[in-house]
Amino acid sequence: MSENCEIKIYEKALCCESGVCGPSVDPELLRITTVIRGLNKKGFGARRYNLSMHPMEFAKNPGLTELMKEKGMSVLPVTLMNGKIVKTGEYPSTEELSTWTGLQTEELEGSNDKLLTL
C-alpha cells in the first residue's frame, strides 16, 4: 500500500477516543489511538468515527448502515480501507495494519505513555 491509502474505523458510541476517560483505561482503545497517530505521522489518511460524536459520517456510508441493519451493533468497529470493508467486529491488529500499509509495526506503535498525559 501507499501513503494515499485511506483507513476509516467506525466504532460504537464512546465517551472519548483515547480510552483514558472512564474509570479504567481500555488498553485496546489506547492501542488503536496510538496506531492511528502513527499512521497519520507517516502520511496516511487514518480516521476514527465514533457513533455518538460523528453520526453523520455513519449516515454518509450506505454500505456501513446496511451492514449495521443486517448484523446489528455487534458489527462495530468496522474498518474500511479505500472505501472497502476489510474488518468487522473488532479493531484491526497492529500487525494487520502493518501488512495493509507496508509499515513496520514499530513505526505504528510509539509510546502509549504519552496518551496518559492528555
PDB file of N, CA and C in Angstrom:
ATOM      1  N   MET A   1       0.833  -1.189   0.000  1.00  0.00           N
ATOM      2  CA  MET A   1       0.000   0.000   0.000  1.00  0.00           C
ATOM      3  C   MET A   1       0.879   1.255   0.000  1.00  0.00           C
ATOM      4  N   SER A   2       0.222   2.350  -0.290  1.00  0.00           N
ATOM      5  CA  SER A   2       0.966   3.606  -0.344  1.00  0.00           C
ATOM      6  C   SER A   2       0.397   4.595   0.649  1.00  0.00           C
ATOM      7  N   GLU A   3       1.048   5.727   0.745  1.00  0.00           N
ATOM      8  CA  GLU A   3       0.588   6.768   1.646  1.00  0.00           C
ATOM      9  C   GLU A   3      -0.759   7.341   1.222  1.00  0.00           C
ATOM     10  N   ASN A   4      -1.220   7.041   0.012  1.00  0.00           N
ATOM     11  CA  ASN A   4      -2.530   7.503  -0.432  1.00  0.00           C
ATOM     12  C   ASN A   4      -3.655   6.651   0.142  1.00  0.00           C
ATOM     13  N   CYS A   5      -3.312   5.636   0.875  1.00  0.00           N
ATOM     14  CA  CYS A   5      -4.268   4.723   1.480  1.00  0.00           C
ATOM     15  C   CYS A   5      -5.096   5.469   2.524  1.00  0.00           C
ATOM     16  N   GLU A   6      -6.415   5.292   2.452  1.00  0.00           N
ATOM     17  CA  GLU A   6      -7.316   5.917   3.415  1.00  0.00           C
ATOM     18  C   GLU A   6      -7.923   4.829   4.299  1.00  0.00           C
ATOM     19  N   ILE A   7      -7.747   4.966   5.591  1.00  0.00           N
ATOM     20  CA  ILE A   7      -8.263   3.999   6.550  1.00  0.00           C
ATOM     21  C   ILE A   7      -9.270   4.712   7.439  1.00  0.00           C
ATOM     22  N   LYS A   8     -10.470   4.138   7.521  1.00  0.00           N
ATOM     23  CA  LYS A   8     -11.512   4.684   8.381  1.00  0.00           C
ATOM     24  C   LYS A   8     -12.006   3.582   9.291  1.00  0.00           C
ATOM     25  N   ILE A   9     -12.126   3.914  10.573  1.00  0.00           N
ATOM     26  CA  ILE A   9     -12.663   2.970  11.541  1.00  0.00           C
ATOM     27  C   ILE A   9     -13.920   3.583  12.140  1.00  0.00           C
ATOM     28  N   TYR A  10     -15.023   2.885  11.973  1.00  0.00           N
ATOM     29  CA  TYR A  10     -16.311   3.300  12.514  1.00  0.00           C
ATOM     30  C   TYR A  10     -16.553   2.483  13.776  1.00  0.00           C
ATOM     31  N   GLU A  11     -16.702   3.182  14.903  1.00  0.00           N
ATOM     32  CA  GLU A  11     -16.805   2.477  16.172  1.00  0.00           C
ATOM     33  C   GLU A  11     -18.075   2.825  16.926  1.00  0.00           C
ATOM     34  N   LYS A  12     -18.396   1.996  17.913  1.00  0.00           N
ATOM     35  CA  LYS A  12     -19.594   2.220  18.717  1.00  0.00           C
ATOM     36  C   LYS A  12     -19.491   3.543  19.463  1.00  0.00           C
ATOM     37  N   ALA A  13     -20.591   3.954  20.069  1.00  0.00           N
ATOM     38  CA  ALA A  13     -20.618   5.196  20.837  1.00  0.00           C
ATOM     39  C   ALA A  13     -19.672   5.091  22.030  1.00  0.00           C
ATOM     40  N   LEU A  14     -18.772   6.052  22.129  1.00  0.00           N
ATOM     41  CA  LEU A  14     -17.795   6.117  23.213  1.00  0.00           C
ATOM     42  C   LEU A  14     -17.798   7.523  23.802  1.00  0.00           C
ATOM     43  N   CYS A  15     -17.373   7.636  25.052  1.00  0.00           N
ATOM     44  CA  CYS A  15     -17.288   8.982  25.645  1.00  0.00           C
ATOM     45  C   CYS A  15     -16.032   9.710  25.188  1.00  0.00           C
ATOM     46  N   CYS A  16     -15.010   8.954  24.778  1.00  0.00           N
ATOM     47  CA  CYS A  16     -13.790   9.551  24.242  1.00  0.00           C
ATOM     48  C   CYS A  16     -13.095   8.526  23.369  1.00  0.00           C
ATOM     49  N   GLU A  17     -12.148   8.960  22.564  1.00  0.00           N
ATOM     50  CA  GLU A  17     -11.459   8.050  21.663  1.00  0.00           C
ATOM     51  C   GLU A  17     -10.226   7.393  22.265  1.00  0.00           C
ATOM     52  N   SER A  18      -9.651   8.006  23.290  1.00  0.00           N
ATOM     53  CA  SER A  18      -8.361   7.532  23.797  1.00  0.00           C
ATOM     54  C   SER A  18      -8.464   6.344  24.740  1.00  0.00           C
ATOM     55  N   GLY A  19      -9.595   6.160  25.378  1.00  0.00           N
ATOM     56  CA  GLY A  19      -9.725   5.065  26.327  1.00  0.00           C
ATOM     57  C   GLY A  19      -9.256   5.408  27.725  1.00  0.00           C
ATOM     58  N   VAL A  20      -8.923   6.673  27.970  1.00  0.00           N
ATOM     59  CA  VAL A  20      -8.444   7.063  29.298  1.00  0.00           C
ATOM     60  C   VAL A  20      -9.447   7.933  30.053  1.00  0.00           C
ATOM     61  N   CYS A  21     -10.675   8.022  29.569  1.00  0.00           N
ATOM     62  CA  CYS A  21     -11.638   8.918  30.199  1.00  0.00           C
ATOM     63  C   CYS A  21     -12.567   8.225  31.191  1.00  0.00           C
ATOM     64  N   GLY A  22     -12.655   6.919  31.175  1.00  0.00           N
ATOM     65  CA  GLY A  22     -13.554   6.202  32.067  1.00  0.00           C
ATOM     66  C   GLY A  22     -12.876   5.841  33.378  1.00  0.00           C
ATOM     67  N   PRO A  23     -13.546   4.984  34.152  1.00  0.00           N
ATOM     68  CA  PRO A  23     -12.986   4.585  35.448  1.00  0.00           C
ATOM     69  C   PRO A  23     -11.721   3.743  35.324  1.00  0.00           C
ATOM     70  N   SER A  24     -11.551   3.065  34.191  1.00  0.00           N
ATOM     71  CA  SER A  24     -10.322   2.309  33.970  1.00  0.00           C
ATOM     72  C   SER A  24      -9.890   2.473  32.516  1.00  0.00           C
ATOM     73  N   VAL A  25      -8.600   2.355  32.268  1.00  0.00           N
ATOM     74  CA  VAL A  25      -8.043   2.528  30.933  1.00  0.00           C
ATOM     75  C   VAL A  25      -8.364   1.291  30.094  1.00  0.00           C
ATOM     76  N   ASP A  26      -8.892   1.508  28.882  1.00  0.00           N
ATOM     77  CA  ASP A  26      -9.157   0.419  27.951  1.00  0.00           C
ATOM     78  C   ASP A  26      -7.907   0.256  27.087  1.00  0.00           C
ATOM     79  N   PRO A  27      -7.140  -0.813  27.280  1.00  0.00           N
ATOM     80  CA  PRO A  27      -5.885  -0.964  26.547  1.00  0.00           C
ATOM     81  C   PRO A  27      -6.066  -1.053  25.028  1.00  0.00           C
ATOM     82  N   GLU A  28      -7.193  -1.597  24.576  1.00  0.00           N
ATOM     83  CA  GLU A  28      -7.429  -1.709  23.136  1.00  0.00           C
ATOM     84  C   GLU A  28      -7.666  -0.327  22.516  1.00  0.00           C
ATOM     85  N   LEU A  29      -8.412   0.541  23.191  1.00  0.00           N
ATOM     86  CA  LEU A  29      -8.610   1.904  22.686  1.00  0.00           C
ATOM     87  C   LEU A  29      -7.303   2.686  22.725  1.00  0.00           C
ATOM     88  N   LEU A  30      -6.526   2.471  23.746  1.00  0.00           N
ATOM     89  CA  LEU A  30      -5.218   3.120  23.851  1.00  0.00           C
ATOM     90  C   LEU A  30      -4.320   2.684  22.703  1.00  0.00           C
ATOM     91  N   ARG A  31      -4.334   1.378  22.395  1.00  0.00           N
ATOM     92  CA  ARG A  31      -3.507   0.851  21.304  1.00  0.00           C
ATOM     93  C   ARG A  31      -3.950   1.422  19.960  1.00  0.00           C
ATOM     94  N   ILE A  32      -5.252   1.400  19.672  1.00  0.00           N
ATOM     95  CA  ILE A  32      -5.708   1.855  18.359  1.00  0.00           C
ATOM     96  C   ILE A  32      -5.492   3.363  18.209  1.00  0.00           C
ATOM     97  N   THR A  33      -5.627   4.116  19.284  1.00  0.00           N
ATOM     98  CA  THR A  33      -5.347   5.557  19.235  1.00  0.00           C
ATOM     99  C   THR A  33      -3.888   5.793  18.869  1.00  0.00           C
ATOM    100  N   THR A  34      -2.992   5.052  19.494  1.00  0.00           N
ATOM    101  CA  THR A  34      -1.556   5.170  19.217  1.00  0.00           C
ATOM    102  C   THR A  34      -1.244   4.790  17.774  1.00  0.00           C
ATOM    103  N   VAL A  35      -1.835   3.691  17.305  1.00  0.00           N
ATOM    104  CA  VAL A  35      -1.567   3.213  15.947  1.00  0.00           C
ATOM    105  C   VAL A  35      -2.094   4.203  14.907  1.00  0.00           C
ATOM    106  N   ILE A  36      -3.274   4.754  15.131  1.00  0.00           N
ATOM    107  CA  ILE A  36      -3.831   5.751  14.195  1.00  0.00           C
ATOM    108  C   ILE A  36      -2.912   6.972  14.132  1.00  0.00           C
ATOM    109  N   ARG A  37      -2.422   7.401  15.279  1.00  0.00           N
ATOM    110  CA  ARG A  37      -1.470   8.526  15.292  1.00  0.00           C
ATOM    111  C   ARG A  37      -0.208   8.178  14.514  1.00  0.00           C
ATOM    112  N   GLY A  38       0.284   6.954  14.688  1.00  0.00           N
ATOM    113  CA  GLY A  38       1.469   6.503  13.952  1.00  0.00           C
ATOM    114  C   GLY A  38       1.233   6.507  12.448  1.00  0.00           C
ATOM    115  N   LEU A  39       0.052   6.042  12.025  1.00  0.00           N
ATOM    116  CA  LEU A  39      -0.284   6.056  10.598  1.00  0.00           C
ATOM    117  C   LEU A  39      -0.301   7.476  10.054  1.00  0.00           C
ATOM    118  N   ASN A  40      -0.923   8.371  10.785  1.00  0.00           N
ATOM    119  CA  ASN A  40      -1.016   9.756  10.309  1.00  0.00           C
ATOM    120  C   ASN A  40       0.327  10.466  10.302  1.00  0.00           C
ATOM    121  N   LYS A  41       1.212  10.132  11.231  1.00  0.00           N
ATOM    122  CA  LYS A  41       2.565  10.700  11.218  1.00  0.00           C
ATOM    123  C   LYS A  41       3.330  10.270   9.972  1.00  0.00           C
ATOM    124  N   LYS A  42       2.971   9.096   9.429  1.00  0.00           N
ATOM    125  CA  LYS A  42       3.616   8.582   8.229  1.00  0.00           C
ATOM    126  C   LYS A  42       2.890   9.003   6.952  1.00  0.00           C
ATOM    127  N   GLY A  43       1.894   9.884   7.076  1.00  0.00           N
ATOM    128  CA  GLY A  43       1.234  10.422   5.896  1.00  0.00           C
ATOM    129  C   GLY A  43      -0.003   9.689   5.423  1.00  0.00           C
ATOM    130  N   PHE A  44      -0.472   8.726   6.197  1.00  0.00           N
ATOM    131  CA  PHE A  44      -1.688   8.006   5.823  1.00  0.00           C
ATOM    132  C   PHE A  44      -2.909   8.780   6.298  1.00  0.00           C
ATOM    133  N   GLY A  45      -3.995   8.650   5.575  1.00  0.00           N
ATOM    134  CA  GLY A  45      -5.253   9.261   5.995  1.00  0.00           C
ATOM    135  C   GLY A  45      -6.012   8.272   6.853  1.00  0.00           C
ATOM    136  N   ALA A  46      -5.795   8.312   8.144  1.00  0.00           N
ATOM    137  CA  ALA A  46      -6.457   7.379   9.057  1.00  0.00           C
ATOM    138  C   ALA A  46      -7.381   8.154   9.983  1.00  0.00           C
ATOM    139  N   ARG A  47      -8.636   7.722  10.054  1.00  0.00           N
ATOM    140  CA  ARG A  47      -9.629   8.411  10.879  1.00  0.00           C
ATOM    141  C   ARG A  47     -10.454   7.396  11.649  1.00  0.00           C
ATOM    142  N   ARG A  48     -10.915   7.826  12.809  1.00  0.00           N
ATOM    143  CA  ARG A  48     -11.865   7.042  13.593  1.00  0.00           C
ATOM    144  C   ARG A  48     -13.137   7.859  13.729  1.00  0.00           C
ATOM    145  N   TYR A  49     -14.256   7.186  13.559  1.00  0.00           N
ATOM    146  CA  TYR A  49     -15.553   7.832  13.704  1.00  0.00           C
ATOM    147  C   TYR A  49     -16.337   7.120  14.793  1.00  0.00           C
ATOM    148  N   ASN A  50     -16.645   7.858  15.823  1.00  0.00           N
ATOM    149  CA  ASN A  50     -17.379   7.393  16.982  1.00  0.00           C
ATOM    150  C   ASN A  50     -18.857   7.680  16.732  1.00  0.00           C
ATOM    151  N   LEU A  51     -19.731   6.696  16.915  1.00  0.00           N
ATOM    152  CA  LEU A  51     -21.148   6.855  16.611  1.00  0.00           C
ATOM    153  C   LEU A  51     -21.789   8.014  17.357  1.00  0.00           C
ATOM    154  N   SER A  52     -21.394   8.262  18.601  1.00  0.00           N
ATOM    155  CA  SER A  52     -22.007   9.359  19.359  1.00  0.00           C
ATOM    156  C   SER A  52     -21.480  10.731  18.937  1.00  0.00           C
ATOM    157  N   MET A  53     -20.246  10.796  18.457  1.00  0.00           N
ATOM    158  CA  MET A  53     -19.645  12.080  18.093  1.00  0.00           C
ATOM    159  C   MET A  53     -19.716  12.386  16.600  1.00  0.00           C
ATOM    160  N   HIS A  54     -19.871  11.351  15.761  1.00  0.00           N
ATOM    161  CA  HIS A  54     -19.846  11.529  14.305  1.00  0.00           C
ATOM    162  C   HIS A  54     -20.991  10.777  13.617  1.00  0.00           C
ATOM    163  N   PRO A  55     -22.228  10.936  14.048  1.00  0.00           N
ATOM    164  CA  PRO A  55     -23.323  10.152  13.448  1.00  0.00           C
ATOM    165  C   PRO A  55     -23.492  10.393  11.951  1.00  0.00           C
ATOM    166  N   MET A  56     -23.198  11.592  11.476  1.00  0.00           N
ATOM    167  CA  MET A  56     -23.359  11.887  10.047  1.00  0.00           C
ATOM    168  C   MET A  56     -22.355  11.124   9.197  1.00  0.00           C
ATOM    169  N   GLU A  57     -21.182  10.819   9.736  1.00  0.00           N
ATOM    170  CA  GLU A  57     -20.203  10.024   8.997  1.00  0.00           C
ATOM    171  C   GLU A  57     -20.734   8.610   8.758  1.00  0.00           C
ATOM    172  N   PHE A  58     -21.472   8.089   9.724  1.00  0.00           N
ATOM    173  CA  PHE A  58     -22.099   6.780   9.552  1.00  0.00           C
ATOM    174  C   PHE A  58     -23.184   6.867   8.482  1.00  0.00           C
ATOM    175  N   ALA A  59     -23.993   7.919   8.555  1.00  0.00           N
ATOM    176  CA  ALA A  59     -25.104   8.091   7.615  1.00  0.00           C
ATOM    177  C   ALA A  59     -24.623   8.271   6.179  1.00  0.00           C
ATOM    178  N   LYS A  60     -23.438   8.837   6.000  1.00  0.00           N
ATOM    179  CA  LYS A  60     -22.879   9.070   4.660  1.00  0.00           C
ATOM    180  C   LYS A  60     -22.439   7.788   3.959  1.00  0.00           C
ATOM    181  N   ASN A  61     -22.373   6.680   4.699  1.00  0.00           N
ATOM    182  CA  ASN A  61     -21.856   5.438   4.147  1.00  0.00           C
ATOM    183  C   ASN A  61     -22.973   4.391   4.074  1.00  0.00           C
ATOM    184  N   PRO A  62     -23.658   4.285   2.918  1.00  0.00           N
ATOM    185  CA  PRO A  62     -24.780   3.356   2.811  1.00  0.00           C
ATOM    186  C   PRO A  62     -24.402   1.892   3.039  1.00  0.00           C
ATOM    187  N   GLY A  63     -23.215   1.481   2.630  1.00  0.00           N
ATOM    188  CA  GLY A  63     -22.777   0.111   2.856  1.00  0.00           C
ATOM    189  C   GLY A  63     -22.649  -0.202   4.337  1.00  0.00           C
ATOM    190  N   LEU A  64     -22.140   0.758   5.079  1.00  0.00           N
ATOM    191  CA  LEU A  64     -21.980   0.598   6.521  1.00  0.00           C
ATOM    192  C   LEU A  64     -23.342   0.555   7.205  1.00  0.00           C
ATOM    193  N   THR A  65     -24.221   1.471   6.856  1.00  0.00           N
ATOM    194  CA  THR A  65     -25.540   1.491   7.501  1.00  0.00           C
ATOM    195  C   THR A  65     -26.325   0.225   7.178  1.00  0.00           C
ATOM    196  N   GLU A  66     -26.195  -0.291   5.970  1.00  0.00           N
ATOM    197  CA  GLU A  66     -26.856  -1.546   5.599  1.00  0.00           C
ATOM    198  C   GLU A  66     -26.293  -2.710   6.414  1.00  0.00           C
ATOM    199  N   LEU A  67     -24.987  -2.753   6.568  1.00  0.00           N
ATOM    200  CA  LEU A  67     -24.344  -3.795   7.357  1.00  0.00           C
ATOM    201  C   LEU A  67     -24.827  -3.735   8.809  1.00  0.00           C
ATOM    202  N   MET A  68     -24.948  -2.536   9.351  1.00  0.00           N
ATOM    203  CA  MET A  68     -25.410  -2.378  10.723  1.00  0.00           C
ATOM    204  C   MET A  68     -26.872  -2.805  10.862  1.00  0.00           C
ATOM    205  N   LYS A  69     -27.693  -2.553   9.839  1.00  0.00           N
ATOM    206  CA  LYS A  69     -29.092  -3.005   9.872  1.00  0.00           C
ATOM    207  C   LYS A  69     -29.164  -4.523   9.859  1.00  0.00           C
ATOM    208  N   GLU A  70     -28.324  -5.155   9.061  1.00  0.00           N
ATOM    209  CA  GLU A  70     -28.317  -6.615   8.929  1.00  0.00           C
ATOM    210  C   GLU A  70     -27.754  -7.315  10.164  1.00  0.00           C
ATOM    211  N   LYS A  71     -26.635  -6.804  10.672  1.00  0.00           N
ATOM    212  CA  LYS A  71     -25.894  -7.514  11.719  1.00  0.00           C
ATOM    213  C   LYS A  71     -26.029  -6.900  13.109  1.00  0.00           C
ATOM    214  N   GLY A  72     -26.532  -5.679  13.198  1.00  0.00           N
ATOM    215  CA  GLY A  72     -26.654  -5.011  14.489  1.00  0.00           C
ATOM    216  C   GLY A  72     -25.367  -4.315  14.906  1.00  0.00           C
ATOM    217  N   MET A  73     -25.404  -3.791  16.114  1.00  0.00           N
ATOM    218  CA  MET A  73     -24.275  -3.006  16.624  1.00  0.00           C
ATOM    219  C   MET A  73     -23.032  -3.849  16.902  1.00  0.00           C
ATOM    220  N   SER A  74     -23.197  -5.164  16.996  1.00  0.00           N
ATOM    221  CA  SER A  74     -22.042  -6.021  17.278  1.00  0.00           C
ATOM    222  C   SER A  74     -21.041  -6.036  16.124  1.00  0.00           C
ATOM    223  N   VAL A  75     -21.449  -5.523  14.969  1.00  0.00           N
ATOM    224  CA  VAL A  75     -20.552  -5.464  13.816  1.00  0.00           C
ATOM    225  C   VAL A  75     -19.457  -4.402  14.012  1.00  0.00           C
ATOM    226  N   LEU A  76     -19.704  -3.445  14.915  1.00  0.00           N
ATOM    227  CA  LEU A  76     -18.734  -2.380  15.176  1.00  0.00           C
ATOM    228  C   LEU A  76     -17.636  -2.876  16.103  1.00  0.00           C
ATOM    229  N   PRO A  77     -16.418  -2.410  15.937  1.00  0.00           N
ATOM    230  CA  PRO A  77     -15.967  -1.459  14.927  1.00  0.00           C
ATOM    231  C   PRO A  77     -15.862  -2.096  13.540  1.00  0.00           C
ATOM    232  N   VAL A  78     -16.018  -1.227  12.535  1.00  0.00           N
ATOM    233  CA  VAL A  78     -15.871  -1.620  11.141  1.00  0.00           C
ATOM    234  C   VAL A  78     -14.709  -0.823  10.562  1.00  0.00           C
ATOM    235  N   THR A  79     -13.786  -1.514   9.922  1.00  0.00           N
ATOM    236  CA  THR A  79     -12.625  -0.853   9.312  1.00  0.00           C
ATOM    237  C   THR A  79     -12.774  -0.864   7.803  1.00  0.00           C
ATOM    238  N   LEU A  80     -12.636   0.316   7.200  1.00  0.00           N
ATOM    239  CA  LEU A  80     -12.650   0.450   5.749  1.00  0.00           C
ATOM    240  C   LEU A  80     -11.279   0.897   5.286  1.00  0.00           C
ATOM    241  N   MET A  81     -10.872   0.350   4.165  1.00  0.00           N
ATOM    242  CA  MET A  81      -9.622   0.751   3.545  1.00  0.00           C
ATOM    243  C   MET A  81      -9.940   1.155   2.117  1.00  0.00           C
ATOM    244  N   ASN A  82      -9.687   2.421   1.811  1.00  0.00           N
ATOM    245  CA  ASN A  82     -10.020   2.972   0.492  1.00  0.00           C
ATOM    246  C   ASN A  82     -11.469   2.657   0.121  1.00  0.00           C
ATOM    247  N   GLY A  83     -12.370   2.783   1.115  1.00  0.00           N
ATOM    248  CA  GLY A  83     -13.796   2.611   0.890  1.00  0.00           C
ATOM    249  C   GLY A  83     -14.310   1.195   0.951  1.00  0.00           C
ATOM    250  N   LYS A  84     -13.424   0.216   1.117  1.00  0.00           N
ATOM    251  CA  LYS A  84     -13.824  -1.192   1.142  1.00  0.00           C
ATOM    252  C   LYS A  84     -13.736  -1.734   2.574  1.00  0.00           C
ATOM    253  N   ILE A  85     -14.786  -2.443   3.009  1.00  0.00           N
ATOM    254  CA  ILE A  85     -14.775  -3.029   4.342  1.00  0.00           C
ATOM    255  C   ILE A  85     -13.752  -4.162   4.381  1.00  0.00           C
ATOM    256  N   VAL A  86     -12.799  -4.050   5.325  1.00  0.00           N
ATOM    257  CA  VAL A  86     -11.751  -5.063   5.449  1.00  0.00           C
ATOM    258  C   VAL A  86     -11.797  -5.813   6.779  1.00  0.00           C
ATOM    259  N   LYS A  87     -12.546  -5.282   7.765  1.00  0.00           N
ATOM    260  CA  LYS A  87     -12.636  -5.971   9.051  1.00  0.00           C
ATOM    261  C   LYS A  87     -13.865  -5.477   9.802  1.00  0.00           C
ATOM    262  N   THR A  88     -14.542  -6.403  10.485  1.00  0.00           N
ATOM    263  CA  THR A  88     -15.697  -6.048  11.299  1.00  0.00           C
ATOM    264  C   THR A  88     -15.612  -6.724  12.658  1.00  0.00           C
ATOM    265  N   GLY A  89     -16.270  -6.137  13.636  1.00  0.00           N
ATOM    266  CA  GLY A  89     -16.410  -6.748  14.952  1.00  0.00           C
ATOM    267  C   GLY A  89     -15.280  -6.533  15.923  1.00  0.00           C
ATOM    268  N   GLU A  90     -14.147  -6.068  15.443  1.00  0.00           N
ATOM    269  CA  GLU A  90     -13.016  -5.755  16.320  1.00  0.00           C
ATOM    270  C   GLU A  90     -12.062  -4.827  15.588  1.00  0.00           C
ATOM    271  N   TYR A  91     -11.233  -4.143  16.366  1.00  0.00           N
ATOM    272  CA  TYR A  91     -10.246  -3.264  15.755  1.00  0.00           C
ATOM    273  C   TYR A  91      -9.194  -4.090  15.029  1.00  0.00           C
ATOM    274  N   PRO A  92      -8.651  -3.543  13.938  1.00  0.00           N
ATOM    275  CA  PRO A  92      -7.566  -4.268  13.277  1.00  0.00           C
ATOM    276  C   PRO A  92      -6.348  -4.315  14.191  1.00  0.00           C
ATOM    277  N   SER A  93      -5.639  -5.420  14.126  1.00  0.00           N
ATOM    278  CA  SER A  93      -4.418  -5.544  14.924  1.00  0.00           C
ATOM    279  C   SER A  93      -3.342  -4.641  14.329  1.00  0.00           C
ATOM    280  N   THR A  94      -2.341  -4.360  15.123  1.00  0.00           N
ATOM    281  CA  THR A  94      -1.207  -3.576  14.631  1.00  0.00           C
ATOM    282  C   THR A  94      -0.539  -4.311  13.481  1.00  0.00           C
ATOM    283  N   GLU A  95      -0.471  -5.632  13.586  1.00  0.00           N
ATOM    284  CA  GLU A  95       0.140  -6.443  12.536  1.00  0.00           C
ATOM    285  C   GLU A  95      -0.660  -6.352  11.234  1.00  0.00           C
ATOM    286  N   GLU A  96      -1.996  -6.393  11.331  1.00  0.00           N
ATOM    287  CA  GLU A  96      -2.823  -6.258  10.124  1.00  0.00           C
ATOM    288  C   GLU A  96      -2.598  -4.898   9.463  1.00  0.00           C
ATOM    289  N   LEU A  97      -2.592  -3.846  10.263  1.00  0.00           N
ATOM    290  CA  LEU A  97      -2.371  -2.512   9.704  1.00  0.00           C
ATOM    291  C   LEU A  97      -0.983  -2.394   9.104  1.00  0.00           C
ATOM    292  N   SER A  98      -0.017  -3.043   9.704  1.00  0.00           N
ATOM    293  CA  SER A  98       1.337  -3.058   9.156  1.00  0.00           C
ATOM    294  C   SER A  98       1.343  -3.735   7.780  1.00  0.00           C
ATOM    295  N   THR A  99       0.673  -4.867   7.679  1.00  0.00           N
ATOM    296  CA  THR A  99       0.602  -5.594   6.408  1.00  0.00           C
ATOM    297  C   THR A  99      -0.124  -4.762   5.350  1.00  0.00           C
ATOM    298  N   TRP A 100      -1.243  -4.173   5.721  1.00  0.00           N
ATOM    299  CA  TRP A 100      -2.049  -3.406   4.769  1.00  0.00           C
ATOM    300  C   TRP A 100      -1.340  -2.159   4.267  1.00  0.00           C
ATOM    301  N   THR A 101      -0.507  -1.546   5.124  1.00  0.00           N
ATOM    302  CA  THR A 101       0.120  -0.270   4.763  1.00  0.00           C
ATOM    303  C   THR A 101       1.572  -0.404   4.321  1.00  0.00           C
ATOM    304  N   GLY A 102       2.196  -1.525   4.648  1.00  0.00           N
ATOM    305  CA  GLY A 102       3.607  -1.692   4.325  1.00  0.00           C
ATOM    306  C   GLY A 102       4.539  -1.076   5.354  1.00  0.00           C
ATOM    307  N   LEU A 103       4.001  -0.571   6.457  1.00  0.00           N
ATOM    308  CA  LEU A 103       4.824  -0.006   7.528  1.00  0.00           C
ATOM    309  C   LEU A 103       5.218  -1.089   8.514  1.00  0.00           C
ATOM    310  N   GLN A 104       6.324  -0.890   9.185  1.00  0.00           N
ATOM    311  CA  GLN A 104       6.749  -1.802  10.239  1.00  0.00           C
ATOM    312  C   GLN A 104       5.889  -1.546  11.485  1.00  0.00           C
ATOM    313  N   THR A 105       5.628  -2.586  12.275  1.00  0.00           N
ATOM    314  CA  THR A 105       4.815  -2.406  13.482  1.00  0.00           C
ATOM    315  C   THR A 105       5.441  -1.373  14.423  1.00  0.00           C
ATOM    316  N   GLU A 106       6.769  -1.311  14.450  1.00  0.00           N
ATOM    317  CA  GLU A 106       7.453  -0.340  15.313  1.00  0.00           C
ATOM    318  C   GLU A 106       7.126   1.102  14.913  1.00  0.00           C
ATOM    319  N   GLU A 107       6.874   1.317  13.623  1.00  0.00           N
ATOM    320  CA  GLU A 107       6.537   2.659  13.146  1.00  0.00           C
ATOM    321  C   GLU A 107       5.139   3.073  13.589  1.00  0.00           C
ATOM    322  N   LEU A 108       4.313   2.102  13.930  1.00  0.00           N
ATOM    323  CA  LEU A 108       2.935   2.384  14.316  1.00  0.00           C
ATOM    324  C   LEU A 108       2.727   2.456  15.815  1.00  0.00           C
ATOM    325  N   GLU A 109       3.566   1.783  16.568  1.00  0.00           N
ATOM    326  CA  GLU A 109       3.287   1.600  17.995  1.00  0.00           C
ATOM    327  C   GLU A 109       3.593   2.791  18.879  1.00  0.00           C
ATOM    328  N   GLY A 110       4.718   3.432  18.740  1.00  0.00           N
ATOM    329  CA  GLY A 110       5.046   4.583  19.573  1.00  0.00           C
ATOM    330  C   GLY A 110       4.927   4.271  21.048  1.00  0.00           C
ATOM    331  N   SER A 111       4.828   5.293  21.840  1.00  0.00           N
ATOM    332  CA  SER A 111       4.728   5.129  23.289  1.00  0.00           C
ATOM    333  C   SER A 111       3.334   5.479  23.782  1.00  0.00           C
ATOM    334  N   ASN A 112       2.665   4.528  24.417  1.00  0.00           N
ATOM    335  CA  ASN A 112       1.338   4.775  24.992  1.00  0.00           C
ATOM    336  C   ASN A 112       1.409   5.712  26.184  1.00  0.00           C
ATOM    337  N   ASP A 113       2.584   5.867  26.808  1.00  0.00           N
ATOM    338  CA  ASP A 113       2.711   6.729  27.979  1.00  0.00           C
ATOM    339  C   ASP A 113       2.298   8.154  27.674  1.00  0.00           C
ATOM    340  N   LYS A 114       2.548   8.619  26.439  1.00  0.00           N
ATOM    341  CA  LYS A 114       2.199   9.986  26.069  1.00  0.00           C
ATOM    342  C   LYS A 114       0.694  10.212  26.141  1.00  0.00           C
ATOM    343  N   LEU A 115      -0.101   9.189  25.849  1.00  0.00           N
ATOM    344  CA  LEU A 115      -1.543   9.332  25.868  1.00  0.00           C
ATOM    345  C   LEU A 115      -2.087   9.500  27.277  1.00  0.00           C
ATOM    346  N   LEU A 116      -1.413   8.957  28.255  1.00  0.00           N
ATOM    347  CA  LEU A 116      -1.891   9.047  29.621  1.00  0.00           C
ATOM    348  C   LEU A 116      -1.791  10.453  30.184  1.00  0.00           C
ATOM    349  N   THR A 117      -1.059  11.322  29.517  1.00  0.00           N
ATOM    350  CA  THR A 117      -0.907  12.690  29.996  1.00  0.00           C
ATOM    351  C   THR A 117      -1.883  13.641  29.326  1.00  0.00           C
ATOM    352  N   LEU A 118      -2.751  13.136  28.460  1.00  0.00           N
ATOM    353  CA  LEU A 118      -3.701  14.001  27.743  1.00  0.00           C
ATOM    354  C   LEU A 118      -4.729  14.596  28.667  1.00  0.00           C
TER     355      LEU A 118
END
